[in-house]
């Protein structure tokens, strides 16, 4: 991994303070990609990095989905109207800071059409990682993940109903969200599949990303931001303090109720599936040896231990 970022001079003035799109008059020399799934905390991380004024302005510059019309960023029109060769300089300009750092947020479903467009633009048989390196200068990768996949799925399911993706922009739905075990399960499956796809991309390209876990980011916000800056080798100007996060947590009591409800239903379904497979397991020697015999040995050992404790306990 190149260490050229260490020579990038710091700057303390964010682009927003100057009232102009970041990167409008300078050339990016280092880029990073926040690789994420929906509701993993990538917006919180990106907002924290942008607040430093030296780590680009990471956003979902290849999100072709429709957003809030009044809140759509200035680059959104260019994404849908310009060819990729013309759009890349626009996106790098918007996502860069004066020290030459460009930030980008990508979700797996956004990477797929981008890969197709890069293949059409560049031609040849290069790998996806090589194509990204041609499009963005010296890319480094940050993998944003979340330990609690159930809460992440509940958050995704609620956001889709309310159209409220973060606390800064209010949602568009006036109807209360409705619980569905099957749709939350589908959301969880989607998250797991997309994370597996990111893992496959890293493995195939030989990339070791810097991993940020949402739960750690929430508990140690400033420390996590500093850790990313160290990984990117971007010096923070002396005296600059990372501000408190602007975004507030959207999860509420209803979210927690859904998490508990889903977890109970999931355990019940798991037990039913185990019971449904019991007849086949009982009549198959290989399955008995694999699944039943170890469980019986554990149960027998626990029973023996309990009996020993009872027998050796002095009676008064």
Protein backbone atom coordinates (compact mmCIF):
# COMPACT_ATOMS: atom_id res chain seq x y z
CA UNK A 1 0.00 0.00 0.00
CA UNK A 2 1.41 3.38 -0.97
CA UNK A 3 2.27 5.80 1.80
CA UNK A 4 2.06 8.95 -0.32
CA UNK A 5 -0.85 10.17 1.79
CA UNK A 6 1.59 10.99 4.58
CA UNK A 7 2.94 13.86 2.47
CA UNK A 8 -0.49 15.41 1.94
CA UNK A 9 -0.59 18.78 3.71
CA UNK A 10 -3.41 19.22 6.23
CA UNK A 11 -6.09 21.89 5.95
CA UNK A 12 -8.56 22.87 8.62
CA UNK A 13 -11.22 24.54 6.45
CA UNK A 14 -14.00 22.23 5.18
CA UNK A 15 -15.41 22.85 1.71
CA UNK A 16 -18.88 23.60 3.05
CA UNK A 17 -17.47 26.58 4.98
CA UNK A 18 -16.27 28.12 1.72
CA UNK A 19 -19.68 27.78 0.08
CA UNK A 20 -18.36 25.77 -2.89
CA UNK A 21 -18.27 22.10 -3.89
CA UNK A 22 -15.27 20.41 -2.34
CA UNK A 23 -12.40 19.72 -4.74
CA UNK A 24 -13.53 22.34 -7.26
CA UNK A 25 -10.02 23.72 -7.90
CA UNK A 26 -7.61 20.94 -7.01
CA UNK A 27 -6.68 17.45 -8.05
CA UNK A 28 -7.24 14.39 -5.86
CA UNK A 29 -4.12 12.38 -5.05
CA UNK A 30 -5.58 9.81 -2.68
CA UNK A 31 -8.99 8.19 -2.51
CA UNK A 32 -10.77 5.84 -0.16
CA UNK A 33 -13.93 3.81 -0.51
CA UNK A 34 -16.27 3.07 2.42
CA UNK A 35 -17.66 -0.34 1.47
CA UNK A 36 -20.91 -0.98 3.27
CA UNK A 37 -24.40 -2.42 3.43
CA UNK A 38 -27.55 -0.46 4.19
CA UNK A 39 -28.00 0.67 7.81
CA UNK A 40 -24.44 -0.31 8.77
CA UNK A 41 -23.41 3.16 9.96
CA UNK A 42 -21.59 4.34 6.82
CA UNK A 43 -23.34 7.72 6.91
CA UNK A 44 -22.22 8.27 10.49
CA UNK A 45 -18.64 7.36 9.57
CA UNK A 46 -18.63 9.45 6.39
CA UNK A 47 -20.05 12.47 8.19
CA UNK A 48 -17.37 12.18 10.87
CA UNK A 49 -14.57 12.00 8.30
CA UNK A 50 -15.97 14.94 6.33
CA UNK A 51 -16.16 17.03 9.52
CA UNK A 52 -12.35 16.94 9.82
CA UNK A 53 -11.93 19.00 6.66
CA UNK A 54 -9.02 16.82 5.51
CA UNK A 55 -10.64 13.50 4.59
CA UNK A 56 -12.73 14.33 1.56
CA UNK A 57 -16.51 14.46 1.54
CA UNK A 58 -17.61 10.82 1.19
CA UNK A 59 -21.11 10.29 -0.18
CA UNK A 60 -22.96 7.74 -2.29
CA UNK A 61 -21.99 9.36 -5.58
CA UNK A 62 -23.20 6.32 -7.53
CA UNK A 63 -26.58 5.95 -5.86
CA UNK A 64 -28.99 5.98 -8.78
CA UNK A 65 -32.04 5.62 -6.52
CA UNK A 66 -34.51 8.46 -6.07
CA UNK A 67 -34.13 10.57 -2.95
CA UNK A 68 -35.87 13.56 -1.46
CA UNK A 69 -36.36 15.89 -4.45
CA UNK A 70 -35.74 19.05 -2.44
CA UNK A 71 -32.70 17.51 -0.75
CA UNK A 72 -30.99 15.94 -3.74
CA UNK A 73 -27.28 16.86 -3.93
CA UNK A 74 -25.99 18.89 -6.89
CA UNK A 75 -24.15 15.92 -8.42
CA UNK A 76 -27.34 13.81 -8.66
CA UNK A 77 -28.40 15.37 -11.97
CA UNK A 78 -24.94 14.77 -13.46
CA UNK A 79 -25.08 11.10 -12.44
CA UNK A 80 -28.22 10.51 -14.47
CA UNK A 81 -27.40 12.72 -17.46
CA UNK A 82 -23.65 12.59 -18.10
CA UNK A 83 -21.59 9.69 -19.48
CA UNK A 84 -19.19 8.18 -16.95
CA UNK A 85 -16.11 9.76 -18.54
CA UNK A 86 -17.60 13.21 -17.88
CA UNK A 87 -19.14 12.34 -14.51
CA UNK A 88 -15.96 11.01 -12.86
CA UNK A 89 -14.26 14.46 -12.74
CA UNK A 90 -17.50 15.91 -11.33
CA UNK A 91 -17.75 13.34 -8.56
CA UNK A 92 -14.07 13.62 -7.66
CA UNK A 93 -14.47 17.40 -7.47
CA UNK A 94 -17.46 17.17 -5.14
CA UNK A 95 -15.88 14.50 -2.95
CA UNK A 96 -12.40 15.97 -2.46
CA UNK A 97 -10.81 18.35 0.01
CA UNK A 98 -7.98 20.83 -0.80
CA UNK A 99 -5.31 18.42 0.46
CA UNK A 100 -6.11 16.05 -2.42
CA UNK A 101 -8.18 13.42 -0.57
CA UNK A 102 -11.30 12.00 -2.22
CA UNK A 103 -13.90 10.02 -0.27
CA UNK A 104 -16.56 7.69 -1.67
CA UNK A 105 -19.28 5.55 -0.11
CA UNK A 106 -20.32 2.45 -2.02
CA UNK A 107 -22.87 -0.22 -1.31
CA UNK A 108 -22.69 -3.51 -3.14
CA UNK A 109 -25.83 -2.87 -5.19
CA UNK A 110 -24.27 0.41 -6.36
CA UNK A 111 -20.96 -1.23 -7.24
CA UNK A 112 -22.52 -3.66 -9.73
CA UNK A 113 -23.76 -1.02 -12.24
CA UNK A 114 -20.58 1.02 -11.67
CA UNK A 115 -18.48 -2.01 -12.59
CA UNK A 116 -20.49 -2.40 -15.81
CA UNK A 117 -20.00 1.27 -16.72
CA UNK A 118 -16.27 1.10 -15.97
CA UNK A 119 -15.93 -1.97 -18.18
CA UNK A 120 -17.63 -0.13 -21.05
CA UNK A 121 -15.46 2.94 -20.52
CA UNK A 122 -12.07 1.26 -20.05
CA UNK A 123 -12.42 -1.93 -22.11
CA UNK A 124 -9.99 -4.81 -21.74
CA UNK A 125 -10.00 -7.63 -19.22
CA UNK A 126 -8.91 -5.86 -16.05
CA UNK A 127 -10.26 -6.91 -12.68
CA UNK A 128 -12.80 -4.77 -10.86
CA UNK A 129 -10.17 -3.61 -8.36
CA UNK A 130 -7.89 -2.57 -11.23
CA UNK A 131 -10.72 -0.66 -12.88
CA UNK A 132 -11.49 1.19 -9.64
CA UNK A 133 -7.79 2.07 -9.29
CA UNK A 134 -7.87 3.58 -12.79
CA UNK A 135 -10.95 5.65 -11.96
CA UNK A 136 -9.92 6.84 -8.48
CA UNK A 137 -6.37 7.76 -7.38
CA UNK A 138 -4.62 5.28 -5.09
CA UNK A 139 -7.80 3.81 -3.62
CA UNK A 140 -7.85 2.43 -0.09
CA UNK A 141 -10.74 0.49 1.34
CA UNK A 142 -12.71 0.77 4.57
CA UNK A 143 -15.13 -2.03 5.35
CA UNK A 144 -18.09 -0.78 7.39
CA UNK A 145 -19.92 -3.61 9.14
CA UNK A 146 -22.33 -4.15 12.00
CA UNK A 147 -22.28 -7.01 14.51
CA UNK A 148 -26.00 -7.09 15.30
CA UNK A 149 -27.53 -8.13 12.00
CA UNK A 150 -31.05 -8.39 13.47
CA UNK A 151 -31.05 -4.75 14.57
CA UNK A 152 -29.56 -3.78 11.23
CA UNK A 153 -32.33 -5.63 9.39
CA UNK A 154 -35.02 -4.06 11.57
CA UNK A 155 -33.51 -0.63 10.89
CA UNK A 156 -33.48 -1.29 7.14
CA UNK A 157 -37.07 -2.54 7.12
CA UNK A 158 -38.31 0.50 9.08
CA UNK A 159 -36.34 2.95 6.90
CA UNK A 160 -37.86 1.52 3.74
CA UNK A 161 -41.35 2.12 5.13
CA UNK A 162 -40.73 5.59 6.56
CA UNK A 163 -38.31 6.77 3.84
CA UNK A 164 -36.26 8.18 6.71
CA UNK A 165 -32.65 7.15 6.24
CA UNK A 166 -30.99 9.50 8.73
CA UNK A 167 -32.03 12.09 11.29
CA UNK A 168 -31.08 15.15 9.24
CA UNK A 169 -33.69 14.61 6.49
CA UNK A 170 -37.21 13.80 7.79
CA UNK A 171 -39.11 10.85 6.39
CA UNK A 172 -41.89 11.18 3.81
CA UNK A 173 -44.31 8.58 5.16
CA UNK A 174 -47.13 9.58 7.52
CA UNK A 175 -48.35 6.01 8.06
CA UNK A 176 -46.92 4.10 11.04
CA UNK A 177 -44.53 1.26 10.13
CA UNK A 178 -45.90 -2.28 10.21
CA UNK A 179 -44.05 -5.35 11.52
CA UNK A 180 -43.36 -8.34 9.26
CA UNK A 181 -41.18 -11.27 10.31
CA UNK A 182 -40.70 -12.46 6.75
CA UNK A 183 -39.64 -9.06 5.37
CA UNK A 184 -37.20 -8.48 8.24
CA UNK A 185 -35.80 -11.95 7.57
CA UNK A 186 -35.44 -11.04 3.88
CA UNK A 187 -33.63 -7.82 4.87
CA UNK A 188 -31.24 -9.76 7.09
CA UNK A 189 -30.56 -12.25 4.30
CA UNK A 190 -29.85 -9.39 1.88
CA UNK A 191 -27.39 -7.81 4.31
CA UNK A 192 -25.53 -11.09 4.85
CA UNK A 193 -25.36 -11.83 1.11
CA UNK A 194 -24.00 -8.36 0.30
CA UNK A 195 -21.38 -8.59 3.06
CA UNK A 196 -20.33 -11.96 1.64
CA UNK A 197 -20.02 -10.33 -1.78
CA UNK A 198 -17.77 -7.59 -0.36
CA UNK A 199 -15.65 -10.24 1.38
CA UNK A 200 -15.31 -12.08 -1.94
CA UNK A 201 -14.24 -8.88 -3.69
CA UNK A 202 -11.54 -8.19 -1.08
CA UNK A 203 -10.31 -11.78 -1.17
CA UNK A 204 -10.13 -11.94 -4.97
CA UNK A 205 -8.28 -8.61 -5.19
CA UNK A 206 -5.92 -9.37 -2.31
CA UNK A 207 -7.18 -6.31 -0.42
CA UNK A 208 -7.01 -6.11 3.37
CA UNK A 209 -9.47 -3.34 4.21
CA UNK A 210 -9.53 -1.27 7.37
CA UNK A 211 -12.57 -2.57 9.22
CA UNK A 212 -14.88 -0.28 11.18
CA UNK A 213 -17.63 -1.85 13.29
CA UNK A 214 -20.74 0.23 13.85
CA UNK A 215 -21.05 -0.66 17.52
CA UNK A 216 -17.43 0.40 18.11
CA UNK A 217 -17.98 3.64 16.19
CA UNK A 218 -20.93 4.54 18.41
CA UNK A 219 -19.09 3.71 21.64
CA UNK A 220 -15.78 5.36 20.67
CA UNK A 221 -16.61 7.89 17.97
CA UNK A 222 -13.54 10.14 18.05
CA UNK A 223 -11.11 7.25 18.54
CA UNK A 224 -12.60 5.42 15.55
CA UNK A 225 -12.34 8.49 13.30
CA UNK A 226 -8.72 8.97 14.39
CA UNK A 227 -8.06 5.30 13.59
CA UNK A 228 -9.36 5.74 10.04
CA UNK A 229 -7.24 8.86 9.55
CA UNK A 230 -4.17 6.94 10.72
CA UNK A 231 -4.95 4.12 8.29
CA UNK A 232 -5.26 6.66 5.47
CA UNK A 233 -2.09 8.42 6.69
CA UNK A 234 -3.86 11.77 6.74
CA UNK A 235 -2.50 14.14 9.40
CA UNK A 236 -5.07 16.13 11.36
CA UNK A 237 -4.16 19.81 11.66
CA UNK A 238 -2.89 20.78 15.09
CA UNK A 239 -5.64 22.03 17.36
CA UNK A 240 -8.48 20.60 15.24
CA UNK A 241 -11.04 18.76 17.36
CA UNK A 242 -13.40 16.24 15.79
CA UNK A 243 -16.90 17.60 16.46
CA UNK A 244 -19.66 15.52 18.02
CA UNK A 245 -21.74 13.59 15.46
CA UNK A 246 -24.59 15.48 13.86
CA UNK A 247 -26.64 12.34 13.31
CA UNK A 248 -28.80 10.92 16.06
CA UNK A 249 -29.87 7.32 16.44
CA UNK A 250 -33.16 6.52 14.70
CA UNK A 251 -33.82 3.33 16.65
CA UNK A 252 -36.59 3.76 19.23
CA UNK A 253 -38.75 1.65 21.56
CA UNK A 254 -40.65 0.27 18.57
CA UNK A 255 -37.37 -0.90 17.04
CA UNK A 256 -36.48 -2.75 20.25
CA UNK A 257 -39.93 -4.34 20.38
CA UNK A 258 -39.47 -5.60 16.83
CA UNK A 259 -35.98 -6.93 17.62
CA UNK A 260 -37.33 -8.95 20.57
CA UNK A 261 -40.36 -10.13 18.61
CA UNK A 262 -38.25 -11.22 15.66
CA UNK A 263 -35.71 -13.02 17.87
CA UNK A 264 -38.45 -15.02 19.59
CA UNK A 265 -40.02 -16.02 16.27
CA UNK A 266 -36.63 -16.92 14.82
CA UNK A 267 -35.85 -19.26 17.74
CA UNK A 268 -39.25 -20.92 17.40
CA UNK A 269 -38.73 -21.44 13.68
CA UNK A 270 -35.28 -22.92 14.32
CA UNK A 271 -36.71 -25.42 16.83
CA UNK A 272 -39.48 -26.40 14.41
CA UNK A 273 -36.95 -27.05 11.68
CA UNK A 274 -34.86 -29.19 14.00
CA UNK A 275 -37.91 -31.24 14.97
CA UNK A 276 -38.95 -31.60 11.32
CA UNK A 277 -35.55 -33.11 10.53
CA UNK A 278 -35.50 -35.46 13.52
CA UNK A 279 -37.08 -38.53 11.78
CA UNK A 280 -34.50 -38.44 8.99
CA UNK A 281 -31.69 -38.01 11.53
CA UNK A 282 -32.89 -40.96 13.63
CA UNK A 283 -32.93 -43.38 10.71
CA UNK A 284 -29.61 -42.34 9.14
CA UNK A 285 -26.44 -43.68 10.75
CA UNK A 286 -24.21 -40.86 9.48
CA UNK A 287 -26.59 -38.14 10.69
CA UNK A 288 -27.01 -39.85 14.06
CA UNK A 289 -23.25 -39.95 14.53
CA UNK A 290 -22.87 -36.31 13.45
CA UNK A 291 -25.74 -34.65 15.29
CA UNK A 292 -27.35 -36.89 17.91
CA UNK A 293 -24.39 -38.75 19.40
CA UNK A 294 -22.42 -35.61 20.43
CA UNK A 295 -25.55 -34.08 21.96
CA UNK A 296 -26.31 -37.27 23.91
CA UNK A 297 -22.72 -37.38 25.19
CA UNK A 298 -22.95 -33.75 26.33
CA UNK A 299 -26.30 -34.38 28.03
CA UNK A 300 -24.98 -37.53 29.74
CA UNK A 301 -21.87 -35.68 30.92
CA UNK A 302 -23.97 -32.83 32.35
CA UNK A 303 -26.23 -35.31 34.14
CA UNK A 304 -23.26 -37.13 35.66
CA UNK A 305 -21.76 -33.83 36.85
CA UNK A 306 -25.04 -32.81 38.49
CA UNK A 307 -25.36 -36.17 40.26
CA UNK A 308 -21.76 -35.96 41.52
CA UNK A 309 -22.37 -32.50 42.96
CA UNK A 310 -25.54 -33.72 44.69
CA UNK A 311 -23.83 -36.79 46.16
CA UNK A 312 -20.83 -34.82 47.40
CA UNK A 313 -22.86 -32.00 48.90
CA UNK A 314 -22.85 -32.41 52.71
CA UNK A 315 -26.34 -32.80 54.17
CA UNK A 316 -27.25 -30.98 57.35
